Amino acid sequence: EDVDADLLLRQADQAMYQAKLSGKNHYEFFNLKQNDMLIERYEAIKNIKKALAAEEFVLYYQPKVNMRTGAIIGLEALIRWQHPTKGFLNPLEFLPLIADHPLSIHLGEWVINTALIQIEQWQESGISLVVSVNISAYQLMKENFVKRLSSILSAHPKVNPALLEIEILEMSRLKNVFRSSEIMIACKKLGIVFSLDDFSTNYSSLTYLKQLPIKLIKIDQSFVKEMLHNSNDLAILEGIISLATAFGHEIIAEGVETIEHGELLLQMGCELAQGYAISPPMPSEEISPWVTSWVNPKIWETQTSKMKTDLPLLFATIEHQTWVDSVYSLLSGKYSFAESLDHTQCSLGKWLENEGFKRFGENRYYLDIKCLHYKIHHLASELIALYMQGENFKVSQRVGELHHLQDELSLLLKKLGEITKS
């Protein structure tokens, strides 16, 4: 099919653009699917550029606190798009559309400038809090980043640069760690503090932890949200906290949605947090009333960090609760049950037979826990057998026994945990 010269040039330009995104020493062939994607991207870029000019973007702020002391340590600035037809859009709905495009830098600078304006306004009302902003690796690695940041800071002389914290997104995109470090050191001379966002979600995290001049590490919420039910996530959290401590970095957990999340994090040695259990992101005008009314949960203030030797019991306890929950799910007809019913094969059973016996063999709580643990597994086996025989009425009559035994077990495990603190 014949195509005119202008169309050929545009197609070649699109292929070249795609090749540049893929890195050096690379080439791409033009294809129609790629063309459709680029048309969609161009349209998105045009709309976002118009939205920026029309002042449709706004910053929301989510508080960060020290759960042990209740101190408010800062706020994270989060961009939102007040779209005229689609409504309120979160960043994941539009930021990926302008990734690695100059427009993302303009929007990033708008975020920094808007945050500084807000810091200045809060200072005038007596509120002085560190505000963190997110920037992409693409923006950080631009040659003029330090110069541009210095210029923005100079436009706000009343704001102490130490009140601005920069969270780096897309760490895996920081191909040149040495150059990244140079840029960050230059920014630190301006008074800026850096943190790593979504730590542990990419393979290069340890390299950054070792070489970049950062103050704070943020644990990705994907590991925090499931920590109450997933011992694997707990093990990952333990590893991150240990690494951060070893390198002398502060650590903060995002995605703290319940009081229980905070309790467990404090027991593991993580004091700083943000999430819906503290506050959802809110518009700037709501920050001052929130700061005045914030009350730290009393139960957080009583938590102490557990010793490393106590963590296996903590993990086993959570995994056993998950096991019991899976039994409930089967009995209610929601899910199949693929776990072992043998009381010696679950994590808690293994702990009781090995480390638990060595540490607490003659302790009355330990002995009661071991007895209750066996009863729970035996009762679960009976209930599942009844369920498989279609005896749903008998199951409903006795499932309360399982609830009672598990509640009693949880109480005794907590008491045993209290002994480990002394």
Protein backbone atom coordinates (compact mmCIF):
# COMPACT_ATOMS: atom_id res chain seq x y z
CA GLU A 1 0.00 0.00 0.00
CA ASP A 2 1.34 3.43 -0.94
CA VAL A 3 1.92 5.91 1.90
CA ASP A 4 2.98 9.51 1.59
CA ALA A 5 6.32 10.80 2.80
CA ASP A 6 4.88 12.69 5.78
CA LEU A 7 3.20 9.55 7.13
CA LEU A 8 6.40 7.54 6.69
CA LEU A 9 8.35 10.16 8.61
CA ARG A 10 5.82 10.15 11.46
CA GLN A 11 5.93 6.37 11.65
CA ALA A 12 9.72 6.40 11.66
CA ASP A 13 9.65 9.05 14.37
CA GLN A 14 7.36 6.88 16.49
CA ALA A 15 9.64 3.86 16.08
CA MET A 16 12.66 6.00 17.00
CA TYR A 17 10.88 7.31 20.09
CA GLN A 18 10.06 3.77 21.20
CA ALA A 19 13.67 2.70 20.64
CA LYS A 20 14.91 5.58 22.80
CA LEU A 21 12.63 4.46 25.63
CA SER A 22 14.18 0.99 25.45
CA GLY A 23 17.74 2.28 25.90
CA LYS A 24 20.88 2.66 23.84
CA ASN A 25 22.00 0.39 20.96
CA HIS A 26 18.45 -0.61 20.18
CA TYR A 27 16.05 -0.37 17.27
CA GLU A 28 12.31 -0.78 16.80
CA PHE A 29 10.03 -1.49 13.85
CA PHE A 30 6.85 0.50 13.47
CA ASN A 31 3.64 -1.48 13.94
CA LEU A 32 -0.03 -0.58 14.05
CA LYS A 33 -0.55 -1.71 17.66
CA GLN A 34 2.31 0.52 18.72
CA ASN A 35 0.76 3.30 16.68
CA ASP A 36 -2.58 2.98 18.52
CA MET A 37 -0.79 3.06 21.88
CA LEU A 38 1.17 6.14 20.90
CA ILE A 39 -1.96 7.90 19.68
CA GLU A 40 -3.57 7.18 23.07
CA ARG A 41 -0.44 8.46 24.82
CA TYR A 42 -0.31 11.63 22.73
CA GLU A 43 -3.97 12.28 23.51
CA ALA A 44 -3.34 11.77 27.24
CA ILE A 45 -0.33 14.09 27.17
CA LYS A 46 -2.41 16.76 25.45
CA ASN A 47 -5.22 16.44 28.03
CA ILE A 48 -2.86 16.50 31.02
CA LYS A 49 -1.08 19.55 29.62
CA LYS A 50 -4.46 21.31 29.30
CA ALA A 51 -5.40 20.22 32.83
CA LEU A 52 -2.18 21.68 34.23
CA ALA A 53 -2.87 24.99 32.51
CA ALA A 54 -6.47 24.94 33.74
CA GLU A 55 -5.35 24.30 37.36
CA GLU A 56 -7.28 21.05 37.62
CA PHE A 57 -4.63 19.39 39.77
CA VAL A 58 -4.60 19.58 43.56
CA LEU A 59 -2.47 18.19 46.38
CA TYR A 60 -3.85 16.09 49.20
CA TYR A 61 -1.78 15.41 52.32
CA GLN A 62 -1.48 12.23 54.37
CA PRO A 63 -0.01 12.52 57.90
CA LYS A 64 2.94 10.47 59.14
CA VAL A 65 3.31 9.77 62.86
CA ASN A 66 5.51 8.10 65.41
CA MET A 67 3.15 5.44 66.74
CA ARG A 68 5.04 5.00 70.00
CA THR A 69 5.04 8.68 71.00
CA GLY A 70 2.12 10.01 68.97
CA ALA A 71 4.30 12.76 67.48
CA ILE A 72 3.30 13.98 64.00
CA ILE A 73 6.51 13.76 61.98
CA GLY A 74 5.32 15.03 58.62
CA LEU A 75 2.95 14.80 55.67
CA GLU A 76 3.10 13.22 52.24
CA ALA A 77 1.86 15.35 49.36
CA LEU A 78 -0.24 13.28 46.94
CA ILE A 79 -1.41 14.65 43.61
CA ARG A 80 -5.03 14.33 42.49
CA TRP A 81 -6.71 15.31 39.22
CA GLN A 82 -10.10 17.00 39.50
CA HIS A 83 -11.17 15.87 36.04
CA PRO A 84 -14.13 17.84 34.62
CA THR A 85 -15.94 14.70 33.36
CA LYS A 86 -14.30 11.68 35.03
CA GLY A 87 -14.29 13.09 38.54
CA PHE A 88 -11.53 12.71 41.12
CA LEU A 89 -8.58 10.73 39.68
CA ASN A 90 -5.75 9.13 41.67
CA PRO A 91 -2.18 9.39 40.31
CA LEU A 92 -2.05 5.80 39.04
CA GLU A 93 -4.81 6.73 36.62
CA PHE A 94 -2.78 9.39 34.83
CA LEU A 95 0.89 9.56 35.85
CA PRO A 96 1.91 6.37 33.97
CA LEU A 97 0.58 8.01 30.80
CA ILE A 98 3.29 10.69 30.93
CA ALA A 99 6.17 8.56 32.23
CA ASP A 100 9.54 9.58 30.74
CA HIS A 101 7.95 12.56 29.00
CA PRO A 102 9.03 16.18 29.64
CA LEU A 103 5.50 16.91 30.82
CA SER A 104 6.10 14.65 33.83
CA ILE A 105 8.90 17.01 34.87
CA HIS A 106 6.64 20.06 34.57
CA LEU A 107 4.02 18.31 36.68
CA GLY A 108 6.66 17.21 39.19
CA GLU A 109 7.91 20.78 39.55
CA TRP A 110 4.33 21.96 40.00
CA VAL A 111 4.00 19.50 42.91
CA ILE A 112 7.22 20.78 44.55
CA ASN A 113 6.26 24.42 44.11
CA THR A 114 2.69 23.87 45.37
CA ALA A 115 3.97 21.98 48.41
CA LEU A 116 6.37 24.83 49.25
CA ILE A 117 3.56 27.38 48.96
CA GLN A 118 1.47 25.26 51.33
CA ILE A 119 4.35 24.86 53.81
CA GLU A 120 4.70 28.65 53.88
CA GLN A 121 0.99 29.10 54.54
CA TRP A 122 1.04 26.53 57.34
CA GLN A 123 4.07 28.21 58.90
CA GLU A 124 2.12 31.46 59.09
CA SER A 125 -0.58 29.63 61.09
CA GLY A 126 1.94 28.04 63.44
CA ILE A 127 2.26 24.61 61.81
CA SER A 128 5.76 23.48 60.86
CA LEU A 129 5.84 19.98 59.39
CA VAL A 130 8.09 18.22 56.90
CA VAL A 131 6.26 17.62 53.61
CA SER A 132 7.44 14.83 51.31
CA VAL A 133 6.90 14.93 47.56
CA ASN A 134 7.31 12.11 45.06
CA ILE A 135 9.59 12.45 42.05
CA SER A 136 10.44 9.93 39.35
CA ALA A 137 13.90 8.62 38.58
CA TYR A 138 13.48 10.26 35.17
CA GLN A 139 13.12 13.70 36.78
CA LEU A 140 15.95 13.16 39.28
CA MET A 141 18.43 12.13 36.57
CA LYS A 142 17.88 15.20 34.38
CA GLU A 143 21.11 17.23 34.12
CA ASN A 144 19.49 20.43 35.35
CA PHE A 145 17.57 18.88 38.26
CA VAL A 146 19.67 20.48 40.99
CA LYS A 147 19.60 23.87 39.26
CA ARG A 148 15.82 23.72 38.76
CA LEU A 149 15.23 22.62 42.37
CA SER A 150 17.47 25.43 43.66
CA SER A 151 15.50 27.93 41.60
CA ILE A 152 12.16 26.71 43.02
CA LEU A 153 13.52 26.86 46.58
CA SER A 154 14.82 30.40 45.99
CA ALA A 155 11.31 31.49 45.09
CA HIS A 156 10.24 30.55 48.64
CA PRO A 157 12.89 32.13 50.90
CA LYS A 158 10.67 31.87 54.00
CA VAL A 159 10.61 28.08 53.80
CA ASN A 160 13.44 26.12 55.38
CA PRO A 161 14.52 23.56 52.71
CA ALA A 162 14.78 20.97 55.48
CA LEU A 163 10.95 20.97 55.53
CA LEU A 164 10.96 19.47 52.03
CA GLU A 165 11.61 15.75 51.70
CA ILE A 166 11.94 14.07 48.32
CA GLU A 167 10.73 10.49 47.90
CA ILE A 168 12.28 8.75 44.90
CA LEU A 169 9.94 6.53 42.90
CA GLU A 170 10.95 3.86 40.36
CA MET A 171 14.28 3.07 42.03
CA SER A 172 15.04 0.39 39.46
CA ARG A 173 15.22 3.16 36.84
CA LEU A 174 18.26 4.68 38.55
CA LYS A 175 20.70 2.95 36.22
CA ASN A 176 23.71 5.04 37.24
CA VAL A 177 23.89 4.82 41.02
CA PHE A 178 27.08 6.91 41.20
CA ARG A 179 25.47 9.75 39.23
CA SER A 180 22.29 9.47 41.31
CA SER A 181 24.37 9.78 44.47
CA GLU A 182 26.14 12.89 43.12
CA ILE A 183 22.81 14.58 42.38
CA MET A 184 21.39 13.72 45.79
CA ILE A 185 24.52 14.97 47.59
CA ALA A 186 24.22 18.27 45.72
CA CYS A 187 20.56 18.52 46.79
CA LYS A 188 21.46 17.72 50.40
CA LYS A 189 23.74 20.75 50.34
CA LEU A 190 20.60 22.77 49.62
CA GLY A 191 19.08 21.28 52.79
CA ILE A 192 16.90 18.62 51.14
CA VAL A 193 16.29 15.21 52.73
CA PHE A 194 15.80 12.08 50.60
CA SER A 195 13.86 8.88 51.17
CA LEU A 196 13.34 5.73 49.11
CA ASP A 197 9.73 4.95 48.30
CA ASP A 198 8.25 1.43 47.93
CA PHE A 199 11.42 -0.22 49.25
CA SER A 200 11.84 -3.97 48.56
CA THR A 201 9.68 -4.04 45.42
CA ASN A 202 12.61 -4.27 43.01
CA TYR A 203 15.80 -6.28 42.71
CA SER A 204 18.20 -3.33 43.10
CA SER A 205 17.06 -2.16 46.52
CA LEU A 206 20.16 -3.31 48.40
CA THR A 207 22.47 -1.41 46.05
CA TYR A 208 20.57 1.81 46.70
CA LEU A 209 20.48 1.16 50.43
CA LYS A 210 24.25 0.85 50.49
CA GLN A 211 25.30 3.68 48.17
CA LEU A 212 22.67 6.44 48.11
CA PRO A 213 22.68 9.25 50.72
CA ILE A 214 19.20 8.67 52.08
CA LYS A 215 17.66 9.28 55.48
CA LEU A 216 14.48 7.24 55.40
CA ILE A 217 13.16 4.04 53.82
CA LYS A 218 9.46 3.53 53.15
CA ILE A 219 8.15 -0.04 53.30
CA ASP A 220 5.75 -0.70 50.46
CA GLN A 221 2.13 -1.03 51.57
CA SER A 222 1.72 -4.34 49.69
CA PHE A 223 3.74 -6.05 52.44
CA VAL A 224 2.11 -4.13 55.31
CA LYS A 225 -1.54 -4.72 54.37
CA GLU A 226 -1.29 -8.52 54.49
CA MET A 227 1.09 -8.78 57.45
CA LEU A 228 -1.69 -9.77 59.85
CA HIS A 229 -2.46 -12.88 57.78
CA ASN A 230 0.74 -13.69 55.90
CA SER A 231 3.86 -14.89 57.67
CA ASN A 232 5.88 -14.52 54.45
CA ASP A 233 5.16 -10.79 54.42
CA LEU A 234 6.13 -10.67 58.09
CA ALA A 235 9.47 -12.30 57.28
CA ILE A 236 10.08 -9.74 54.52
CA LEU A 237 9.23 -6.91 56.90
CA GLU A 238 11.62 -8.31 59.49
CA GLY A 239 14.38 -8.40 56.87
CA ILE A 240 13.75 -4.81 55.72
CA ILE A 241 13.69 -3.48 59.29
CA SER A 242 16.92 -5.31 60.12
CA LEU A 243 18.66 -4.00 56.99
CA ALA A 244 17.54 -0.42 57.59
CA THR A 245 18.74 -0.60 61.17
CA ALA A 246 22.09 -2.05 60.10
CA PHE A 247 22.63 0.80 57.63
CA GLY A 248 21.52 3.45 60.13
CA HIS A 249 18.40 4.53 58.22
CA GLU A 250 15.01 5.44 59.64
CA ILE A 251 12.09 3.35 58.40
CA ILE A 252 8.40 4.10 57.87
CA ALA A 253 5.57 1.76 56.96
CA GLU A 254 2.77 2.83 54.63
CA GLY A 255 -0.59 1.12 54.38
CA VAL A 256 -1.25 0.95 58.15
CA GLU A 257 -5.00 0.44 57.95
CA THR A 258 -5.86 -0.85 61.42
CA ILE A 259 -4.75 -0.50 65.04
CA GLU A 260 -3.57 -4.13 64.83
CA HIS A 261 -1.21 -3.27 61.97
CA GLY A 262 0.38 -0.62 64.18
CA GLU A 263 0.67 -2.95 67.18
CA LEU A 264 2.49 -5.59 65.18
CA LEU A 265 4.82 -3.09 63.48
CA LEU A 266 5.78 -1.64 66.86
CA GLN A 267 6.51 -5.12 68.18
CA MET A 268 8.78 -5.65 65.17
CA GLY A 269 10.64 -2.40 65.82
CA CYS A 270 9.03 -0.05 63.28
CA GLU A 271 7.71 3.12 64.95
CA LEU A 272 6.95 5.45 62.02
CA ALA A 273 3.82 4.94 59.94
CA GLN A 274 1.16 6.39 57.67
CA GLY A 275 -2.15 4.93 56.57
CA TYR A 276 -5.90 5.03 57.08
CA ALA A 277 -5.64 3.95 60.74
CA ILE A 278 -4.00 7.34 61.25
CA SER A 279 -5.68 9.40 58.55
CA PRO A 280 -6.64 9.18 54.88
CA PRO A 281 -5.13 11.80 52.52
CA MET A 282 -7.00 15.08 52.95
CA PRO A 283 -7.12 18.56 51.41
CA SER A 284 -4.81 21.22 52.84
CA GLU A 285 -7.57 23.05 54.73
CA GLU A 286 -8.28 19.96 56.84
CA ILE A 287 -4.70 19.54 58.08
CA SER A 288 -4.77 22.19 60.79
CA PRO A 289 -7.96 20.83 62.47
CA TRP A 290 -6.58 17.29 62.21
CA VAL A 291 -3.26 18.28 63.84
CA THR A 292 -5.20 19.85 66.72
CA SER A 293 -7.47 16.84 67.23
CA TRP A 294 -5.02 13.96 66.63
CA VAL A 295 -4.92 11.47 69.50
CA ASN A 296 -2.53 8.55 69.36
CA PRO A 297 -4.11 5.14 70.18
CA LYS A 298 -3.15 4.29 73.78
CA ILE A 299 -2.42 0.67 72.89
CA TRP A 300 0.35 1.82 70.51
CA GLU A 301 2.08 3.70 73.31
CA THR A 302 2.28 0.54 75.44
CA GLN A 303 3.88 -1.65 72.78
CA THR A 304 7.55 -2.60 73.07
CA SER A 305 9.84 -4.07 70.44
CA LYS A 306 10.25 -7.81 70.68
CA MET A 307 13.64 -9.46 70.78
CA LYS A 308 14.65 -11.31 67.63
CA THR A 309 14.31 -14.62 69.47
CA ASP A 310 10.63 -13.85 70.15
CA LEU A 311 9.67 -13.23 66.51
CA PRO A 312 9.24 -16.93 65.53
CA LEU A 313 6.43 -17.24 68.10
CA LEU A 314 4.84 -14.04 66.77
CA PHE A 315 4.98 -15.34 63.19
CA ALA A 316 3.68 -18.78 64.17
CA THR A 317 0.77 -17.21 66.08
CA ILE A 318 -0.32 -15.17 63.06
CA GLU A 319 0.06 -18.13 60.71
CA HIS A 320 -2.07 -20.27 63.03
CA GLN A 321 -4.85 -17.66 63.06
CA THR A 322 -4.74 -17.72 59.26
CA TRP A 323 -5.03 -21.53 59.41
CA VAL A 324 -8.12 -21.28 61.64
CA ASP A 325 -9.63 -18.65 59.32
CA SER A 326 -9.19 -21.04 56.39
CA VAL A 327 -11.11 -23.68 58.37
CA TYR A 328 -13.95 -21.20 58.88
CA SER A 329 -13.91 -20.42 55.15
CA LEU A 330 -14.29 -24.10 54.27
CA LEU A 331 -17.11 -24.62 56.77
CA SER A 332 -18.99 -21.64 55.35
CA GLY A 333 -18.62 -23.00 51.81
CA LYS A 334 -16.36 -20.19 50.56
CA TYR A 335 -13.07 -21.94 49.84
CA SER A 336 -11.55 -25.40 49.70
CA PHE A 337 -9.11 -26.40 52.44
CA ALA A 338 -5.63 -27.50 51.37
CA GLU A 339 -3.79 -27.23 54.72
CA SER A 340 -2.66 -30.13 56.90
CA LEU A 341 -4.86 -30.97 59.90
CA ASP A 342 -1.93 -32.54 61.76
CA HIS A 343 -1.26 -30.40 64.85
CA THR A 344 2.48 -31.08 64.61
CA GLN A 345 2.79 -29.76 61.04
CA CYS A 346 1.55 -26.18 61.37
CA SER A 347 4.02 -23.40 62.28
CA LEU A 348 2.72 -23.07 65.83
CA GLY A 349 2.85 -26.84 66.33
CA LYS A 350 6.46 -26.96 65.15
CA TRP A 351 7.37 -24.07 67.46
CA LEU A 352 5.70 -25.78 70.42
CA GLU A 353 7.58 -29.03 69.80
CA ASN A 354 10.97 -27.41 69.31
CA GLU A 355 11.96 -23.88 70.36
CA GLY A 356 8.91 -23.43 72.56
CA PHE A 357 9.66 -26.59 74.49
CA LYS A 358 13.30 -25.56 75.00
CA ARG A 359 12.35 -22.11 76.33
CA PHE A 360 9.09 -22.73 78.20
CA GLY A 361 8.79 -26.51 78.65
CA GLU A 362 7.46 -26.38 82.24
CA ASN A 363 5.68 -23.03 82.06
CA ARG A 364 1.94 -23.33 82.83
CA TYR A 365 0.98 -21.05 79.91
CA TYR A 366 3.06 -23.17 77.56
CA LEU A 367 1.44 -26.39 78.78
CA ASP A 368 -2.09 -24.93 78.48
CA ILE A 369 -1.28 -23.59 74.99
CA LYS A 370 -0.04 -27.00 73.86
CA CYS A 371 -3.23 -28.65 75.12
CA LEU A 372 -5.50 -26.04 73.52
CA HIS A 373 -3.60 -26.22 70.24
CA TYR A 374 -4.20 -29.97 70.04
CA LYS A 375 -7.91 -29.53 70.88
CA ILE A 376 -8.32 -26.92 68.12
CA HIS A 377 -6.80 -29.21 65.48
CA HIS A 378 -8.83 -32.19 66.68
CA LEU A 379 -12.07 -30.19 66.66
CA ALA A 380 -11.28 -28.74 63.22
CA SER A 381 -10.82 -32.31 61.89
CA GLU A 382 -14.19 -33.35 63.31
CA LEU A 383 -15.99 -30.29 61.91
CA ILE A 384 -14.49 -30.74 58.45
CA ALA A 385 -15.47 -34.42 58.47
CA LEU A 386 -19.06 -33.44 59.38
CA TYR A 387 -19.07 -30.80 56.64
CA MET A 388 -17.89 -33.32 54.06
CA GLN A 389 -20.72 -35.65 55.12
CA GLY A 390 -23.24 -32.86 54.56
CA GLU A 391 -23.99 -32.48 58.28
CA ASN A 392 -24.21 -28.68 58.06
CA PHE A 393 -26.59 -28.37 61.02
CA LYS A 394 -24.19 -30.23 63.33
CA VAL A 395 -21.35 -28.02 62.06
CA SER A 396 -23.33 -24.87 62.86
CA GLN A 397 -24.03 -26.20 66.37
CA ARG A 398 -20.36 -26.81 67.17
CA VAL A 399 -18.44 -24.14 65.23
CA GLY A 400 -18.82 -21.82 68.24
CA GLU A 401 -16.56 -24.23 70.18
CA LEU A 402 -13.78 -23.52 67.66
CA HIS A 403 -14.23 -19.77 68.11
CA HIS A 404 -14.05 -20.14 71.89
CA LEU A 405 -10.95 -22.33 71.84
CA GLN A 406 -9.12 -20.03 69.41
CA ASP A 407 -9.95 -16.95 71.51
CA GLU A 408 -8.62 -18.73 74.59
CA LEU A 409 -5.48 -19.75 72.71
CA SER A 410 -4.87 -16.18 71.50
CA LEU A 411 -5.16 -14.89 75.08
CA LEU A 412 -2.66 -17.43 76.41
CA LEU A 413 -0.22 -16.76 73.55
CA LYS A 414 -0.39 -13.08 74.43
CA LYS A 415 0.38 -13.87 78.09
CA LEU A 416 3.30 -16.04 77.04
CA GLY A 417 4.51 -13.17 74.88
CA GLU A 418 4.40 -10.88 77.90
CA ILE A 419 6.76 -13.24 79.72
CA THR A 420 9.34 -12.89 76.92
CA LYS A 421 9.55 -9.13 77.59
CA SER A 422 10.78 -9.63 81.15
